[in-house]
Amino acid sequence: METSLHHELKLLYADSPEDVEVRLGSFRIDAMAGKELIEIQHGGLSTIRDKVQRLLKAHRVRVVKPIVFRKTLVKRKSRRGKVIERRLSPKRGRLIDLFDDLVHFTRVFPHPRLTLEVILVEVEEWRFPGHGRRRRWRQRDFQIEDQKLVRIESQHVFRRAKDLAKIVPANVPMPFDTRDLAQSLEIKRWEAQKLAYCLRHTGAADQVGKRGNALLYAWPPAKGKAA
């Protein structure tokens, strides 16, 4: 079932309510703005990779990827019952989370007709108890009723490989390895490895050698910082 969040985002990006859920050949498009096709993808980018590749042959496409940076959990006593609790979730999304998905989308991005837009959103997630016999709230002992948009915190647009390079702090050493990325961005090493993979496979960075067992990367010299 479609969430309120997905519906609200479609209306936000479409030119009008009539430009939502548009049939285009064998595809159903989330929204249209002028001649641009808009796909709003809450799940993994890999699930729409083939669809986007086919659409890009003849159309401009904008893929909107929401990342939940702040979530309020709203718990009901029962399905459609009264609200018994509201609290902030300790989980916070970050822009760097994009690369968890982008590693599976580098065959598509970048493309001259493709825009990848990441939005950090604040949402309310409405829940009610699951159907089990447990009477108290426990992990996963609930069902999600809906997700609702509270606000858009920020928007980040990527059209070319060099746009990805802007995520890396300017003070990262040259050449750099994934340890340097992890330290400069204050992230885990495995997260930095995904970022490095995306930088390399999109052409935003070149592999230029090794330091021990670590691969070294640098911005392509012909075009300065990024490709």
N, C-alpha and C. Protein backbone atom coordinates (compact mmCIF):
# COMPACT_ATOMS: atom_id res chain seq x y z
N MET A 1 0.84 -1.19 0.00
CA MET A 1 0.00 0.00 0.00
C MET A 1 0.88 1.25 0.00
N GLU A 2 0.51 2.23 -0.79
CA GLU A 2 1.28 3.46 -0.88
C GLU A 2 1.18 4.26 0.41
N THR A 3 2.31 4.77 0.86
CA THR A 3 2.31 5.60 2.06
C THR A 3 1.95 7.04 1.72
N SER A 4 1.54 7.77 2.75
CA SER A 4 1.27 9.20 2.56
C SER A 4 2.53 9.93 2.12
N LEU A 5 3.69 9.50 2.64
CA LEU A 5 4.96 10.12 2.26
C LEU A 5 5.19 10.03 0.76
N HIS A 6 4.99 8.85 0.19
CA HIS A 6 5.21 8.68 -1.24
C HIS A 6 4.23 9.52 -2.05
N HIS A 7 2.98 9.52 -1.63
CA HIS A 7 1.96 10.29 -2.34
C HIS A 7 2.25 11.79 -2.27
N GLU A 8 2.65 12.28 -1.10
CA GLU A 8 2.94 13.70 -0.94
C GLU A 8 4.13 14.13 -1.78
N LEU A 9 5.12 13.27 -1.87
CA LEU A 9 6.30 13.61 -2.69
C LEU A 9 5.96 13.62 -4.17
N LYS A 10 5.11 12.71 -4.61
CA LYS A 10 4.69 12.72 -6.01
C LYS A 10 3.98 14.02 -6.35
N LEU A 11 3.08 14.46 -5.49
CA LEU A 11 2.37 15.71 -5.73
C LEU A 11 3.32 16.91 -5.69
N LEU A 12 4.32 16.84 -4.84
CA LEU A 12 5.27 17.94 -4.71
C LEU A 12 6.10 18.11 -5.97
N TYR A 13 6.47 17.01 -6.61
CA TYR A 13 7.34 17.09 -7.78
C TYR A 13 6.58 17.19 -9.10
N ALA A 14 5.33 16.78 -9.13
CA ALA A 14 4.56 16.82 -10.37
C ALA A 14 4.10 18.24 -10.68
N ASP A 15 3.89 18.52 -11.96
CA ASP A 15 3.36 19.82 -12.36
C ASP A 15 1.95 20.03 -11.83
N SER A 16 1.17 18.97 -11.78
CA SER A 16 -0.22 19.06 -11.32
C SER A 16 -0.66 17.67 -10.86
N PRO A 17 -1.79 17.57 -10.15
CA PRO A 17 -2.28 16.25 -9.73
C PRO A 17 -2.53 15.30 -10.90
N GLU A 18 -2.81 15.87 -12.09
CA GLU A 18 -3.04 15.03 -13.27
C GLU A 18 -1.74 14.43 -13.79
N ASP A 19 -0.61 14.94 -13.33
CA ASP A 19 0.69 14.44 -13.79
C ASP A 19 1.31 13.44 -12.83
N VAL A 20 0.48 12.80 -12.04
CA VAL A 20 0.90 11.76 -11.10
C VAL A 20 0.43 10.40 -11.61
N GLU A 21 1.26 9.38 -11.47
CA GLU A 21 0.92 8.02 -11.92
C GLU A 21 0.54 8.02 -13.40
N VAL A 22 1.49 8.45 -14.20
CA VAL A 22 1.26 8.59 -15.65
C VAL A 22 1.69 7.30 -16.35
N ARG A 23 0.85 6.82 -17.25
CA ARG A 23 1.17 5.64 -18.03
C ARG A 23 2.01 6.05 -19.24
N LEU A 24 3.18 5.40 -19.41
CA LEU A 24 4.06 5.68 -20.54
C LEU A 24 4.49 4.34 -21.12
N GLY A 25 3.84 3.92 -22.20
CA GLY A 25 4.11 2.61 -22.76
C GLY A 25 3.78 1.54 -21.73
N SER A 26 4.74 0.68 -21.45
CA SER A 26 4.53 -0.38 -20.47
C SER A 26 4.87 0.05 -19.05
N PHE A 27 5.27 1.31 -18.90
CA PHE A 27 5.70 1.80 -17.59
C PHE A 27 4.65 2.71 -16.95
N ARG A 28 4.65 2.71 -15.63
CA ARG A 28 3.89 3.69 -14.88
C ARG A 28 4.89 4.61 -14.19
N ILE A 29 4.78 5.90 -14.47
CA ILE A 29 5.73 6.89 -13.98
C ILE A 29 5.13 7.60 -12.77
N ASP A 30 5.92 7.77 -11.72
CA ASP A 30 5.41 8.39 -10.50
C ASP A 30 4.87 9.79 -10.75
N ALA A 31 5.63 10.60 -11.49
CA ALA A 31 5.21 11.99 -11.71
C ALA A 31 5.92 12.53 -12.95
N MET A 32 5.35 13.62 -13.47
CA MET A 32 5.98 14.31 -14.60
C MET A 32 6.02 15.80 -14.31
N ALA A 33 7.13 16.42 -14.71
CA ALA A 33 7.28 17.87 -14.62
C ALA A 33 7.81 18.33 -15.97
N GLY A 34 6.95 18.93 -16.77
CA GLY A 34 7.34 19.23 -18.14
C GLY A 34 7.57 17.93 -18.88
N LYS A 35 8.75 17.81 -19.48
CA LYS A 35 9.09 16.58 -20.19
C LYS A 35 9.96 15.65 -19.35
N GLU A 36 10.19 16.01 -18.10
CA GLU A 36 11.02 15.19 -17.24
C GLU A 36 10.18 14.15 -16.51
N LEU A 37 10.63 12.90 -16.55
CA LEU A 37 9.98 11.82 -15.83
C LEU A 37 10.59 11.71 -14.44
N ILE A 38 9.75 11.54 -13.43
CA ILE A 38 10.23 11.54 -12.05
C ILE A 38 9.86 10.21 -11.39
N GLU A 39 10.87 9.56 -10.86
CA GLU A 39 10.69 8.33 -10.10
C GLU A 39 11.13 8.58 -8.66
N ILE A 40 10.23 8.35 -7.71
CA ILE A 40 10.54 8.54 -6.29
C ILE A 40 10.78 7.17 -5.70
N GLN A 41 12.01 6.93 -5.25
CA GLN A 41 12.42 5.59 -4.87
C GLN A 41 12.83 5.52 -3.40
N HIS A 42 11.92 5.00 -2.57
CA HIS A 42 12.22 4.82 -1.15
C HIS A 42 13.10 3.60 -0.94
N GLY A 43 12.91 2.57 -1.75
CA GLY A 43 13.68 1.35 -1.62
C GLY A 43 15.01 1.45 -2.33
N GLY A 44 15.61 0.30 -2.57
CA GLY A 44 16.91 0.26 -3.21
C GLY A 44 16.87 0.73 -4.65
N LEU A 45 17.91 1.45 -5.05
CA LEU A 45 17.99 1.93 -6.43
C LEU A 45 18.13 0.78 -7.41
N SER A 46 18.64 -0.34 -6.96
CA SER A 46 18.84 -1.47 -7.87
C SER A 46 17.51 -1.97 -8.44
N THR A 47 16.42 -1.78 -7.71
CA THR A 47 15.12 -2.30 -8.16
C THR A 47 14.55 -1.51 -9.34
N ILE A 48 15.03 -0.28 -9.54
CA ILE A 48 14.54 0.50 -10.69
C ILE A 48 15.65 0.72 -11.72
N ARG A 49 16.78 0.06 -11.55
CA ARG A 49 17.92 0.27 -12.45
C ARG A 49 17.57 -0.01 -13.90
N ASP A 50 16.98 -1.15 -14.19
CA ASP A 50 16.67 -1.51 -15.57
C ASP A 50 15.60 -0.59 -16.15
N LYS A 51 14.62 -0.26 -15.33
CA LYS A 51 13.55 0.64 -15.78
C LYS A 51 14.13 1.99 -16.17
N VAL A 52 14.99 2.54 -15.33
CA VAL A 52 15.58 3.86 -15.61
C VAL A 52 16.47 3.80 -16.85
N GLN A 53 17.24 2.74 -17.00
CA GLN A 53 18.08 2.61 -18.18
C GLN A 53 17.26 2.65 -19.46
N ARG A 54 16.12 1.99 -19.46
CA ARG A 54 15.27 1.98 -20.65
C ARG A 54 14.64 3.34 -20.89
N LEU A 55 14.20 4.00 -19.83
CA LEU A 55 13.58 5.31 -19.99
C LEU A 55 14.58 6.35 -20.49
N LEU A 56 15.84 6.22 -20.09
CA LEU A 56 16.86 7.21 -20.47
C LEU A 56 17.18 7.19 -21.96
N LYS A 57 16.77 6.15 -22.65
CA LYS A 57 17.04 6.09 -24.09
C LYS A 57 16.33 7.21 -24.85
N ALA A 58 15.21 7.70 -24.28
CA ALA A 58 14.45 8.72 -25.00
C ALA A 58 13.93 9.84 -24.11
N HIS A 59 14.20 9.79 -22.80
CA HIS A 59 13.59 10.76 -21.89
C HIS A 59 14.60 11.27 -20.87
N ARG A 60 14.30 12.47 -20.36
CA ARG A 60 15.02 12.96 -19.19
C ARG A 60 14.34 12.38 -17.96
N VAL A 61 15.15 11.90 -17.03
CA VAL A 61 14.63 11.23 -15.85
C VAL A 61 15.25 11.84 -14.59
N ARG A 62 14.42 12.05 -13.59
CA ARG A 62 14.90 12.48 -12.27
C ARG A 62 14.53 11.39 -11.26
N VAL A 63 15.52 10.82 -10.63
CA VAL A 63 15.30 9.84 -9.58
C VAL A 63 15.44 10.55 -8.24
N VAL A 64 14.36 10.54 -7.48
CA VAL A 64 14.35 11.20 -6.17
C VAL A 64 14.48 10.12 -5.10
N LYS A 65 15.54 10.24 -4.31
CA LYS A 65 15.83 9.25 -3.26
C LYS A 65 15.66 9.89 -1.89
N PRO A 66 14.55 9.62 -1.18
CA PRO A 66 14.39 10.16 0.17
C PRO A 66 15.23 9.36 1.17
N ILE A 67 15.88 10.07 2.06
CA ILE A 67 16.58 9.46 3.20
C ILE A 67 15.99 10.08 4.46
N VAL A 68 15.53 9.25 5.36
CA VAL A 68 14.89 9.73 6.59
C VAL A 68 15.97 10.14 7.60
N PHE A 69 16.13 11.44 7.80
CA PHE A 69 17.15 11.91 8.73
C PHE A 69 16.58 12.04 10.15
N ARG A 70 15.27 12.10 10.27
CA ARG A 70 14.63 12.24 11.58
C ARG A 70 13.25 11.60 11.51
N LYS A 71 12.94 10.77 12.52
CA LYS A 71 11.68 10.04 12.50
C LYS A 71 11.02 10.10 13.89
N THR A 72 9.74 10.48 13.90
CA THR A 72 8.94 10.40 15.11
C THR A 72 8.06 9.17 15.03
N LEU A 73 8.17 8.30 16.04
CA LEU A 73 7.36 7.10 16.09
C LEU A 73 6.06 7.40 16.82
N VAL A 74 4.95 7.17 16.15
CA VAL A 74 3.63 7.41 16.73
C VAL A 74 2.94 6.06 16.90
N LYS A 75 2.70 5.67 18.15
CA LYS A 75 2.14 4.35 18.43
C LYS A 75 0.67 4.46 18.82
N ARG A 76 -0.13 3.62 18.20
CA ARG A 76 -1.55 3.52 18.55
C ARG A 76 -1.77 2.33 19.49
N LYS A 77 -2.86 2.39 20.23
CA LYS A 77 -3.23 1.28 21.10
C LYS A 77 -3.63 0.07 20.27
N SER A 78 -4.25 0.31 19.14
CA SER A 78 -4.68 -0.74 18.24
C SER A 78 -4.82 -0.12 16.85
N ARG A 79 -5.11 -0.95 15.87
CA ARG A 79 -5.32 -0.40 14.52
C ARG A 79 -6.44 0.64 14.57
N ARG A 80 -6.14 1.85 14.12
CA ARG A 80 -7.06 2.99 14.14
C ARG A 80 -7.48 3.39 15.56
N GLY A 81 -6.73 2.91 16.56
CA GLY A 81 -7.04 3.28 17.94
C GLY A 81 -6.39 4.60 18.32
N LYS A 82 -6.52 4.97 19.58
CA LYS A 82 -5.97 6.25 20.02
C LYS A 82 -4.45 6.16 20.15
N VAL A 83 -3.81 7.31 20.02
CA VAL A 83 -2.36 7.40 20.14
C VAL A 83 -1.97 7.26 21.61
N ILE A 84 -1.02 6.37 21.88
CA ILE A 84 -0.59 6.15 23.27
C ILE A 84 0.85 6.60 23.51
N GLU A 85 1.60 6.88 22.44
CA GLU A 85 2.99 7.29 22.63
C GLU A 85 3.53 7.97 21.38
N ARG A 86 4.33 8.99 21.60
CA ARG A 86 5.08 9.64 20.52
C ARG A 86 6.51 9.80 21.02
N ARG A 87 7.47 9.36 20.22
CA ARG A 87 8.86 9.54 20.61
C ARG A 87 9.74 9.59 19.38
N LEU A 88 10.90 10.21 19.52
CA LEU A 88 11.86 10.27 18.43
C LEU A 88 12.60 8.95 18.32
N SER A 89 12.78 8.48 17.11
CA SER A 89 13.60 7.30 16.88
C SER A 89 15.07 7.69 17.02
N PRO A 90 15.87 6.83 17.63
CA PRO A 90 17.30 7.15 17.74
C PRO A 90 18.05 7.02 16.41
N LYS A 91 17.44 6.38 15.45
CA LYS A 91 18.10 6.19 14.15
C LYS A 91 18.03 7.48 13.34
N ARG A 92 19.16 7.87 12.77
CA ARG A 92 19.22 9.08 11.96
C ARG A 92 19.85 8.75 10.60
N GLY A 93 19.20 9.18 9.55
CA GLY A 93 19.76 9.01 8.22
C GLY A 93 20.73 10.14 7.90
N ARG A 94 21.68 9.86 6.99
CA ARG A 94 22.68 10.84 6.58
C ARG A 94 22.83 10.81 5.07
N LEU A 95 23.34 11.89 4.53
CA LEU A 95 23.56 11.94 3.08
C LEU A 95 24.48 10.82 2.63
N ILE A 96 25.45 10.46 3.45
CA ILE A 96 26.41 9.43 3.07
C ILE A 96 25.73 8.08 2.87
N ASP A 97 24.51 7.91 3.42
CA ASP A 97 23.77 6.66 3.24
C ASP A 97 23.42 6.41 1.77
N LEU A 98 23.47 7.45 0.96
CA LEU A 98 23.22 7.30 -0.47
C LEU A 98 24.10 6.21 -1.07
N PHE A 99 25.33 6.10 -0.61
CA PHE A 99 26.27 5.20 -1.25
C PHE A 99 26.00 3.73 -0.94
N ASP A 100 25.17 3.45 0.07
CA ASP A 100 24.71 2.08 0.28
C ASP A 100 23.94 1.59 -0.94
N ASP A 101 23.24 2.51 -1.59
CA ASP A 101 22.45 2.20 -2.78
C ASP A 101 23.21 2.43 -4.08
N LEU A 102 24.00 3.49 -4.12
CA LEU A 102 24.62 3.89 -5.37
C LEU A 102 25.60 2.85 -5.88
N VAL A 103 26.14 2.01 -5.00
CA VAL A 103 27.04 0.95 -5.46
C VAL A 103 26.34 0.02 -6.45
N HIS A 104 25.02 -0.03 -6.41
CA HIS A 104 24.26 -0.89 -7.32
C HIS A 104 23.67 -0.10 -8.49
N PHE A 105 24.06 1.17 -8.61
CA PHE A 105 23.45 2.04 -9.62
C PHE A 105 24.50 2.72 -10.49
N THR A 106 25.77 2.32 -10.35
CA THR A 106 26.84 3.00 -11.09
C THR A 106 26.84 2.68 -12.58
N ARG A 107 26.09 1.65 -12.98
CA ARG A 107 25.95 1.39 -14.42
C ARG A 107 25.00 2.38 -15.08
N VAL A 108 24.23 3.08 -14.27
CA VAL A 108 23.25 4.04 -14.79
C VAL A 108 23.73 5.48 -14.59
N PHE A 109 24.25 5.78 -13.42
CA PHE A 109 24.72 7.13 -13.09
C PHE A 109 26.23 7.19 -13.20
N PRO A 110 26.75 8.26 -13.85
CA PRO A 110 26.04 9.40 -14.44
C PRO A 110 25.57 9.11 -15.86
N HIS A 111 24.60 9.91 -16.29
CA HIS A 111 24.06 9.85 -17.65
C HIS A 111 23.60 11.26 -18.00
N PRO A 112 23.83 11.70 -19.24
CA PRO A 112 23.49 13.10 -19.59
C PRO A 112 22.01 13.45 -19.43
N ARG A 113 21.13 12.47 -19.41
CA ARG A 113 19.70 12.77 -19.25
C ARG A 113 19.18 12.39 -17.86
N LEU A 114 20.08 12.06 -16.96
CA LEU A 114 19.66 11.61 -15.62
C LEU A 114 20.06 12.62 -14.55
N THR A 115 19.10 12.91 -13.65
CA THR A 115 19.36 13.69 -12.44
C THR A 115 19.03 12.81 -11.25
N LEU A 116 19.97 12.73 -10.32
CA LEU A 116 19.75 12.00 -9.08
C LEU A 116 19.62 13.03 -7.96
N GLU A 117 18.47 13.05 -7.32
CA GLU A 117 18.22 14.02 -6.25
C GLU A 117 17.96 13.29 -4.94
N VAL A 118 18.77 13.60 -3.95
CA VAL A 118 18.62 13.02 -2.62
C VAL A 118 17.99 14.07 -1.72
N ILE A 119 16.92 13.69 -1.04
CA ILE A 119 16.28 14.61 -0.10
C ILE A 119 16.31 13.99 1.29
N LEU A 120 16.73 14.78 2.26
CA LEU A 120 16.69 14.36 3.65
C LEU A 120 15.35 14.81 4.22
N VAL A 121 14.56 13.86 4.69
CA VAL A 121 13.19 14.16 5.11
C VAL A 121 12.98 13.82 6.58
N GLU A 122 12.09 14.58 7.19
CA GLU A 122 11.61 14.26 8.52
C GLU A 122 10.22 13.67 8.36
N VAL A 123 9.97 12.54 9.04
CA VAL A 123 8.69 11.86 8.87
C VAL A 123 8.10 11.47 10.22
N GLU A 124 6.81 11.19 10.19
CA GLU A 124 6.14 10.50 11.28
C GLU A 124 5.83 9.09 10.80
N GLU A 125 6.15 8.11 11.62
CA GLU A 125 5.82 6.72 11.29
C GLU A 125 4.77 6.23 12.28
N TRP A 126 3.58 5.94 11.76
CA TRP A 126 2.46 5.52 12.59
C TRP A 126 2.44 4.00 12.67
N ARG A 127 2.34 3.49 13.93
CA ARG A 127 2.42 2.06 14.17
C ARG A 127 1.28 1.60 15.07
N PHE A 128 0.99 0.30 14.99
CA PHE A 128 0.06 -0.31 15.93
C PHE A 128 0.57 -1.71 16.24
N PRO A 129 0.14 -2.32 17.38
CA PRO A 129 0.68 -3.61 17.78
C PRO A 129 0.44 -4.68 16.73
N GLY A 130 1.38 -5.65 16.68
CA GLY A 130 1.24 -6.77 15.77
C GLY A 130 0.17 -7.74 16.26
N HIS A 131 0.02 -8.83 15.54
CA HIS A 131 -1.05 -9.78 15.85
C HIS A 131 -0.62 -10.89 16.80
N GLY A 132 0.63 -10.83 17.28
CA GLY A 132 1.10 -11.86 18.18
C GLY A 132 0.44 -11.76 19.55
N ARG A 133 0.75 -12.70 20.43
CA ARG A 133 0.14 -12.73 21.75
C ARG A 133 0.86 -11.83 22.75
N ARG A 134 2.04 -11.32 22.37
CA ARG A 134 2.77 -10.46 23.28
C ARG A 134 1.99 -9.17 23.50
N ARG A 135 1.89 -8.74 24.72
CA ARG A 135 1.05 -7.59 25.04
C ARG A 135 1.84 -6.29 25.09
N ARG A 136 3.15 -6.41 25.24
CA ARG A 136 3.93 -5.19 25.33
C ARG A 136 4.67 -4.94 24.03
N TRP A 137 5.02 -3.65 23.82
CA TRP A 137 5.79 -3.30 22.64
C TRP A 137 7.18 -3.92 22.75
N ARG A 138 7.53 -4.67 21.77
CA ARG A 138 8.88 -5.20 21.67
C ARG A 138 9.36 -4.99 20.24
N GLN A 139 10.66 -5.21 20.06
CA GLN A 139 11.22 -5.02 18.72
C GLN A 139 10.44 -5.84 17.69
N ARG A 140 9.98 -5.15 16.65
CA ARG A 140 9.26 -5.74 15.53
C ARG A 140 7.87 -6.28 15.91
N ASP A 141 7.44 -6.04 17.14
CA ASP A 141 6.09 -6.46 17.53
C ASP A 141 5.10 -5.34 17.20
N PHE A 142 5.10 -4.95 15.92
CA PHE A 142 4.23 -3.87 15.49
C PHE A 142 4.03 -3.98 13.98
N GLN A 143 3.07 -3.26 13.50
CA GLN A 143 2.88 -3.09 12.07
C GLN A 143 2.89 -1.61 11.75
N ILE A 144 3.47 -1.27 10.62
CA ILE A 144 3.52 0.12 10.20
C ILE A 144 2.23 0.46 9.45
N GLU A 145 1.53 1.44 9.98
CA GLU A 145 0.28 1.89 9.36
C GLU A 145 0.54 2.86 8.23
N ASP A 146 1.47 3.79 8.45
CA ASP A 146 1.71 4.83 7.45
C ASP A 146 2.99 5.59 7.80
N GLN A 147 3.55 6.26 6.81
CA GLN A 147 4.61 7.24 7.00
C GLN A 147 4.14 8.55 6.40
N LYS A 148 4.31 9.64 7.17
CA LYS A 148 3.82 10.94 6.73
C LYS A 148 4.97 11.95 6.71
N LEU A 149 4.99 12.76 5.67
CA LEU A 149 6.03 13.78 5.54
C LEU A 149 5.78 14.93 6.50
N VAL A 150 6.79 15.27 7.27
CA VAL A 150 6.75 16.45 8.14
C VAL A 150 7.39 17.63 7.44
N ARG A 151 8.58 17.42 6.91
CA ARG A 151 9.27 18.49 6.17
C ARG A 151 10.46 17.90 5.43
N ILE A 152 10.94 18.65 4.46
CA ILE A 152 12.18 18.33 3.75
C ILE A 152 13.28 19.19 4.35
N GLU A 153 14.27 18.54 4.92
CA GLU A 153 15.37 19.23 5.56
C GLU A 153 16.34 19.82 4.55
N SER A 154 16.70 19.05 3.52
CA SER A 154 17.65 19.53 2.52
C SER A 154 17.52 18.71 1.25
N GLN A 155 17.99 19.29 0.15
CA GLN A 155 17.96 18.65 -1.16
C GLN A 155 19.36 18.68 -1.74
N HIS A 156 19.77 17.57 -2.35
CA HIS A 156 21.12 17.45 -2.90
C HIS A 156 21.00 16.86 -4.31
N VAL A 157 21.46 17.61 -5.29
CA VAL A 157 21.28 17.23 -6.69
C VAL A 157 22.62 16.78 -7.28
N PHE A 158 22.60 15.62 -7.93
CA PHE A 158 23.78 15.06 -8.57
C PHE A 158 23.46 14.82 -10.05
N ARG A 159 24.21 15.47 -10.91
CA ARG A 159 24.02 15.29 -12.35
C ARG A 159 25.26 14.70 -13.03
N ARG A 160 26.42 15.02 -12.48
CA ARG A 160 27.68 14.55 -13.06
C ARG A 160 28.50 13.85 -11.99
N ALA A 161 29.51 13.13 -12.44
CA ALA A 161 30.36 12.42 -11.49
C ALA A 161 30.99 13.38 -10.49
N LYS A 162 31.40 14.54 -10.96
CA LYS A 162 32.10 15.47 -10.06
C LYS A 162 31.19 15.99 -8.94
N ASP A 163 29.89 15.89 -9.12
CA ASP A 163 28.98 16.29 -8.03
C ASP A 163 29.15 15.38 -6.82
N LEU A 164 29.45 14.11 -7.06
CA LEU A 164 29.68 13.18 -5.95
C LEU A 164 30.93 13.56 -5.17
N ALA A 165 31.92 14.08 -5.87
CA ALA A 165 33.18 14.44 -5.22
C ALA A 165 33.01 15.56 -4.21
N LYS A 166 31.94 16.34 -4.35
CA LYS A 166 31.71 17.45 -3.42
C LYS A 166 31.42 16.96 -2.00
N ILE A 167 31.04 15.70 -1.87
CA ILE A 167 30.76 15.15 -0.55
C ILE A 167 32.05 14.98 0.26
N VAL A 168 33.17 14.81 -0.46
CA VAL A 168 34.46 14.59 0.20
C VAL A 168 35.02 15.93 0.67
N PRO A 169 35.42 16.05 1.94
CA PRO A 169 35.99 17.31 2.44
C PRO A 169 37.20 17.75 1.64
N ALA A 170 37.37 19.04 1.52
CA ALA A 170 38.47 19.60 0.72
C ALA A 170 39.84 19.27 1.32
N ASN A 171 39.88 18.98 2.61
CA ASN A 171 41.18 18.75 3.25
C ASN A 171 41.63 17.30 3.21
N VAL A 172 40.93 16.43 2.47
CA VAL A 172 41.37 15.05 2.37
C VAL A 172 42.71 15.03 1.65
N PRO A 173 43.68 14.23 2.12
CA PRO A 173 45.00 14.22 1.47
C PRO A 173 44.93 13.64 0.06
N MET A 174 45.89 14.05 -0.77
CA MET A 174 45.99 13.54 -2.13
C MET A 174 47.32 12.82 -2.31
N PRO A 175 47.32 11.59 -2.81
CA PRO A 175 46.14 10.75 -3.04
C PRO A 175 45.58 10.26 -1.71
N PHE A 176 44.37 9.69 -1.74
CA PHE A 176 43.73 9.25 -0.51
C PHE A 176 43.32 7.79 -0.61
N ASP A 177 43.19 7.15 0.54
CA ASP A 177 42.66 5.80 0.59
C ASP A 177 41.38 5.81 1.42
N THR A 178 40.80 4.66 1.64
CA THR A 178 39.52 4.62 2.34
C THR A 178 39.66 4.99 3.82
N ARG A 179 40.85 4.78 4.38
CA ARG A 179 41.06 5.21 5.76
C ARG A 179 41.00 6.74 5.84
N ASP A 180 41.59 7.40 4.86
CA ASP A 180 41.54 8.87 4.82
C ASP A 180 40.10 9.36 4.69
N LEU A 181 39.32 8.69 3.83
CA LEU A 181 37.92 9.07 3.67
C LEU A 181 37.15 8.87 4.97
N ALA A 182 37.38 7.74 5.62
CA ALA A 182 36.68 7.44 6.86
C ALA A 182 36.98 8.48 7.93
N GLN A 183 38.24 8.88 8.04
CA GLN A 183 38.63 9.86 9.05
C GLN A 183 38.08 11.24 8.73
N SER A 184 38.15 11.64 7.47
CA SER A 184 37.71 12.99 7.11
C SER A 184 36.20 13.15 7.22
N LEU A 185 35.46 12.07 6.98
CA LEU A 185 33.99 12.13 7.03
C LEU A 185 33.43 11.61 8.34
N GLU A 186 34.31 11.08 9.19
CA GLU A 186 33.90 10.50 10.48
C GLU A 186 32.87 9.39 10.28
N ILE A 187 33.24 8.46 9.41
CA ILE A 187 32.38 7.32 9.11
C ILE A 187 33.18 6.03 9.29
N LYS A 188 32.49 4.91 9.21
CA LYS A 188 33.15 3.62 9.32
C LYS A 188 33.96 3.33 8.06
N ARG A 189 34.97 2.47 8.21
CA ARG A 189 35.82 2.13 7.05
C ARG A 189 35.00 1.48 5.94
N TRP A 190 34.06 0.61 6.29
CA TRP A 190 33.28 -0.06 5.26
C TRP A 190 32.39 0.93 4.51
N GLU A 191 31.96 1.99 5.18
CA GLU A 191 31.19 3.02 4.49
C GLU A 191 32.08 3.78 3.51
N ALA A 192 33.30 4.06 3.95
CA ALA A 192 34.25 4.74 3.07
C ALA A 192 34.59 3.89 1.85
N GLN A 193 34.61 2.57 2.02
CA GLN A 193 34.89 1.69 0.89
C GLN A 193 33.79 1.75 -0.15
N LYS A 194 32.54 1.86 0.30
CA LYS A 194 31.43 2.02 -0.66
C LYS A 194 31.53 3.36 -1.39
N LEU A 195 31.88 4.40 -0.65
CA LEU A 195 32.05 5.72 -1.27
C LEU A 195 33.16 5.67 -2.31
N ALA A 196 34.29 5.07 -1.96
CA ALA A 196 35.41 4.98 -2.90
C ALA A 196 35.04 4.19 -4.14
N TYR A 197 34.29 3.12 -3.96
CA TYR A 197 33.83 2.32 -5.10
C TYR A 197 33.02 3.18 -6.05
N CYS A 198 32.07 3.96 -5.49
CA CYS A 198 31.21 4.80 -6.32
C CYS A 198 32.01 5.90 -7.02
N LEU A 199 32.94 6.51 -6.31
CA LEU A 199 33.78 7.55 -6.92
C LEU A 199 34.56 6.98 -8.10
N ARG A 200 35.09 5.79 -7.92
CA ARG A 200 35.89 5.19 -8.99
C ARG A 200 35.03 4.77 -10.17
N HIS A 201 33.93 4.08 -9.90
CA HIS A 201 33.14 3.49 -10.99
C HIS A 201 32.26 4.51 -11.71
N THR A 202 32.04 5.66 -11.13
CA THR A 202 31.33 6.73 -11.85
C THR A 202 32.30 7.65 -12.59
N GLY A 203 33.59 7.52 -12.32
CA GLY A 203 34.58 8.39 -12.95
C GLY A 203 34.88 9.64 -12.17
N ALA A 204 34.38 9.75 -10.95
CA ALA A 204 34.65 10.93 -10.14
C ALA A 204 36.07 10.93 -9.60
N ALA A 205 36.67 9.74 -9.45
CA ALA A 205 38.05 9.62 -8.97
C ALA A 205 38.73 8.50 -9.75
N ASP A 206 40.05 8.59 -9.85
CA ASP A 206 40.86 7.57 -10.50
C ASP A 206 41.63 6.77 -9.45
N GLN A 207 41.81 5.49 -9.72
CA GLN A 207 42.74 4.71 -8.90
C GLN A 207 44.14 4.99 -9.41
N VAL A 208 45.03 5.43 -8.51
CA VAL A 208 46.35 5.90 -8.95
C VAL A 208 47.50 5.10 -8.36
N GLY A 209 47.22 4.07 -7.59
CA GLY A 209 48.30 3.28 -7.03
C GLY A 209 47.86 2.59 -5.76
N LYS A 210 48.86 2.16 -4.97
CA LYS A 210 48.58 1.46 -3.72
C LYS A 210 49.53 1.96 -2.64
N ARG A 211 49.06 1.90 -1.41
CA ARG A 211 49.88 2.16 -0.23
C ARG A 211 49.77 0.92 0.65
N GLY A 212 50.76 0.04 0.56
CA GLY A 212 50.62 -1.26 1.19
C GLY A 212 49.55 -2.04 0.47
N ASN A 213 48.51 -2.46 1.20
CA ASN A 213 47.39 -3.17 0.58
C ASN A 213 46.23 -2.25 0.23
N ALA A 214 46.35 -0.96 0.57
CA ALA A 214 45.26 -0.02 0.35
C ALA A 214 45.35 0.64 -1.02
N LEU A 215 44.24 0.68 -1.72
CA LEU A 215 44.18 1.37 -3.01
C LEU A 215 44.18 2.87 -2.78
N LEU A 216 44.85 3.59 -3.65
CA LEU A 216 44.93 5.04 -3.58
C LEU A 216 44.11 5.66 -4.70
N TYR A 217 43.44 6.77 -4.38
CA TYR A 217 42.58 7.46 -5.34
C TYR A 217 42.96 8.93 -5.41
N ALA A 218 42.64 9.55 -6.54
CA ALA A 218 42.86 10.99 -6.71
C ALA A 218 41.87 11.51 -7.73
N TRP A 219 41.62 12.80 -7.68
CA TRP A 219 40.74 13.42 -8.66
C TRP A 219 41.43 13.43 -10.02
N PRO A 220 40.71 13.16 -11.08
CA PRO A 220 41.34 13.15 -12.43
C PRO A 220 42.03 14.47 -12.70
N PRO A 221 43.33 14.48 -13.01
CA PRO A 221 44.09 15.72 -13.13
C PRO A 221 43.67 16.60 -14.31
N ALA A 222 43.14 15.99 -15.37
CA ALA A 222 42.81 16.78 -16.56
C ALA A 222 41.71 17.78 -16.29
N LYS A 223 40.83 17.48 -15.33
CA LYS A 223 39.69 18.37 -15.07
C LYS A 223 39.69 18.84 -13.63
N GLY A 224 40.84 18.85 -13.00
CA GLY A 224 40.91 19.36 -11.63
C GLY A 224 40.44 18.34 -10.63
N LYS A 225 39.50 18.77 -9.79
CA LYS A 225 39.10 17.93 -8.67
C LYS A 225 38.29 16.72 -9.05
N ALA A 226 37.49 16.82 -10.11
CA ALA A 226 36.57 15.72 -10.41
C ALA A 226 36.43 15.53 -11.88
N ALA A 227 35.90 14.38 -12.24
CA ALA A 227 35.66 14.07 -13.65
C ALA A 227 34.38 14.69 -14.12
